Amino acid sequence: GTGNPFFTTDTAAALRGSEIGAEIVLKATKVDGVYTADPKKDPSATRYTTISFDEAISRNLQVMDATAFALCRDQKLPIKVFSIVKPGALKRVILGEDEGTLVHV
């Protein structure tokens, strides 16, 4: 985190990304992207390859904590959500291959 109460690691990443003028925030997590529904509860859930901040908000999709998400949206800082446990996922993200979900303005 940032060392401040109520600020998550998501918020720290969004804040630092904004401060340094990053082109994107890479959110490596336990899921391999943003889905139409919780894939653990809904077997018909499908992964978005790309989704806008506004659509994610309107569909109430939990991409990251609300503060971090709003900061990225307001700063027009895209987020790439991908699995940290899937072998080769980070490499595919860096190479621009179809991996995870891109959340954009």
Foldseek 3Di string as FASTA:
>chain_A
DCPDPPQDVLNVQLVVCLVVVHQAGEAADAAFAWWLDPCVVDVVIDHALEEELVVCVVSVTPPDDPNSSVSCNVSQHKYFYGHPPDPPQVVCVVVVHRTYYIYGD
